[in-house]
Amino acid sequence: MSQPSQPLTQDADDIQSLTQYLHTGEFEYVDIMSHEAWQRALKQWPLLAEWQRWSQESSS
């Protein structure tokens, strides 16, 4: 028989675990799926893409 699996909560925060393992507070995490979803949204809604360009120009 197999042993019961450990609770998911122990390994739920992979980023925090990796940061602690590497002993550093600086870890740049990029959510690729979120970035891809944002790019699809910009293609689907031209007004959103225009707003993003305007926003980037205003903050420069």
C-alpha atoms as a PDB file:
ATOM      1  CA  MET A   1       0.000   0.000   0.000  1.00  0.00           C
ATOM      2  CA  SER A   2       1.137   3.517  -0.646  1.00  0.00           C
ATOM      3  CA  GLN A   3       1.649   6.042   2.108  1.00  0.00           C
ATOM      4  CA  PRO A   4      -0.745   8.984   2.351  1.00  0.00           C
ATOM      5  CA  SER A   5       0.551  12.035   0.550  1.00  0.00           C
ATOM      6  CA  GLN A   6       1.740  15.055   2.482  1.00  0.00           C
ATOM      7  CA  PRO A   7      -0.583  18.055   2.661  1.00  0.00           C
ATOM      8  CA  LEU A   8      -0.303  20.401  -0.301  1.00  0.00           C
ATOM      9  CA  THR A   9       0.138  23.360   2.023  1.00  0.00           C
ATOM     10  CA  GLN A  10       3.701  22.305   2.817  1.00  0.00           C
ATOM     11  CA  ASP A  11       4.859  22.852  -0.764  1.00  0.00           C
ATOM     12  CA  ALA A  12       2.274  25.423  -1.840  1.00  0.00           C
ATOM     13  CA  ASP A  13       4.626  28.392  -1.951  1.00  0.00           C
ATOM     14  CA  ASP A  14       7.354  27.270  -4.356  1.00  0.00           C
ATOM     15  CA  ILE A  15       8.790  30.752  -4.781  1.00  0.00           C
ATOM     16  CA  GLN A  16       9.207  31.272  -1.055  1.00  0.00           C
ATOM     17  CA  SER A  17      10.780  27.833  -0.674  1.00  0.00           C
ATOM     18  CA  LEU A  18      13.205  28.477  -3.523  1.00  0.00           C
ATOM     19  CA  THR A  19      14.140  31.885  -2.130  1.00  0.00           C
ATOM     20  CA  GLN A  20      14.857  30.371   1.275  1.00  0.00           C
ATOM     21  CA  TYR A  21      16.824  27.553  -0.333  1.00  0.00           C
ATOM     22  CA  LEU A  22      18.971  29.993  -2.274  1.00  0.00           C
ATOM     23  CA  HIS A  23      19.412  32.187   0.831  1.00  0.00           C
ATOM     24  CA  THR A  24      18.634  35.354  -1.037  1.00  0.00           C
ATOM     25  CA  GLY A  25      15.821  37.841  -0.877  1.00  0.00           C
ATOM     26  CA  GLU A  26      16.212  38.826  -4.507  1.00  0.00           C
ATOM     27  CA  PHE A  27      14.443  36.500  -6.892  1.00  0.00           C
ATOM     28  CA  GLU A  28      12.815  37.869 -10.022  1.00  0.00           C
ATOM     29  CA  TYR A  29       9.698  35.869 -10.800  1.00  0.00           C
ATOM     30  CA  VAL A  30       8.010  36.222 -14.174  1.00  0.00           C
ATOM     31  CA  ASP A  31       4.524  34.807 -14.544  1.00  0.00           C
ATOM     32  CA  ILE A  32       4.691  33.694 -18.173  1.00  0.00           C
ATOM     33  CA  MET A  33       1.003  32.785 -18.433  1.00  0.00           C
ATOM     34  CA  SER A  34      -0.028  36.184 -17.104  1.00  0.00           C
ATOM     35  CA  HIS A  35       2.308  37.932 -19.549  1.00  0.00           C
ATOM     36  CA  GLU A  36       0.912  35.916 -22.477  1.00  0.00           C
ATOM     37  CA  ALA A  37      -2.666  36.661 -21.397  1.00  0.00           C
ATOM     38  CA  TRP A  38      -1.828  40.392 -21.272  1.00  0.00           C
ATOM     39  CA  GLN A  39      -0.359  40.241 -24.787  1.00  0.00           C
ATOM     40  CA  ARG A  40      -3.505  38.491 -26.096  1.00  0.00           C
ATOM     41  CA  ALA A  41      -5.682  41.132 -24.441  1.00  0.00           C
ATOM     42  CA  LEU A  42      -3.673  43.925 -26.083  1.00  0.00           C
ATOM     43  CA  LYS A  43      -4.229  42.311 -29.497  1.00  0.00           C
ATOM     44  CA  GLN A  44      -7.932  41.772 -28.848  1.00  0.00           C
ATOM     45  CA  TRP A  45      -8.678  45.280 -27.535  1.00  0.00           C
ATOM     46  CA  PRO A  46      -6.899  48.046 -29.476  1.00  0.00           C
ATOM     47  CA  LEU A  47      -8.076  50.714 -27.034  1.00  0.00           C
ATOM     48  CA  LEU A  48      -6.337  48.853 -24.206  1.00  0.00           C
ATOM     49  CA  ALA A  49      -3.138  48.714 -26.276  1.00  0.00           C
ATOM     50  CA  GLU A  50      -3.420  52.456 -26.956  1.00  0.00           C
ATOM     51  CA  TRP A  51      -3.920  53.137 -23.246  1.00  0.00           C
ATOM     52  CA  GLN A  52      -0.811  51.074 -22.423  1.00  0.00           C
ATOM     53  CA  ARG A  53       1.306  53.035 -24.922  1.00  0.00           C
ATOM     54  CA  TRP A  54      -0.031  56.329 -23.536  1.00  0.00           C
ATOM     55  CA  SER A  55       0.613  55.171 -19.971  1.00  0.00           C
ATOM     56  CA  GLN A  56       4.210  54.209 -20.749  1.00  0.00           C
ATOM     57  CA  GLU A  57       4.873  57.531 -22.497  1.00  0.00           C
ATOM     58  CA  SER A  58       3.383  59.488 -19.592  1.00  0.00           C
ATOM     59  CA  SER A  59       5.541  57.744 -17.013  1.00  0.00           C
ATOM     60  CA  SER A  60       8.772  58.331 -18.964  1.00  0.00           C
END
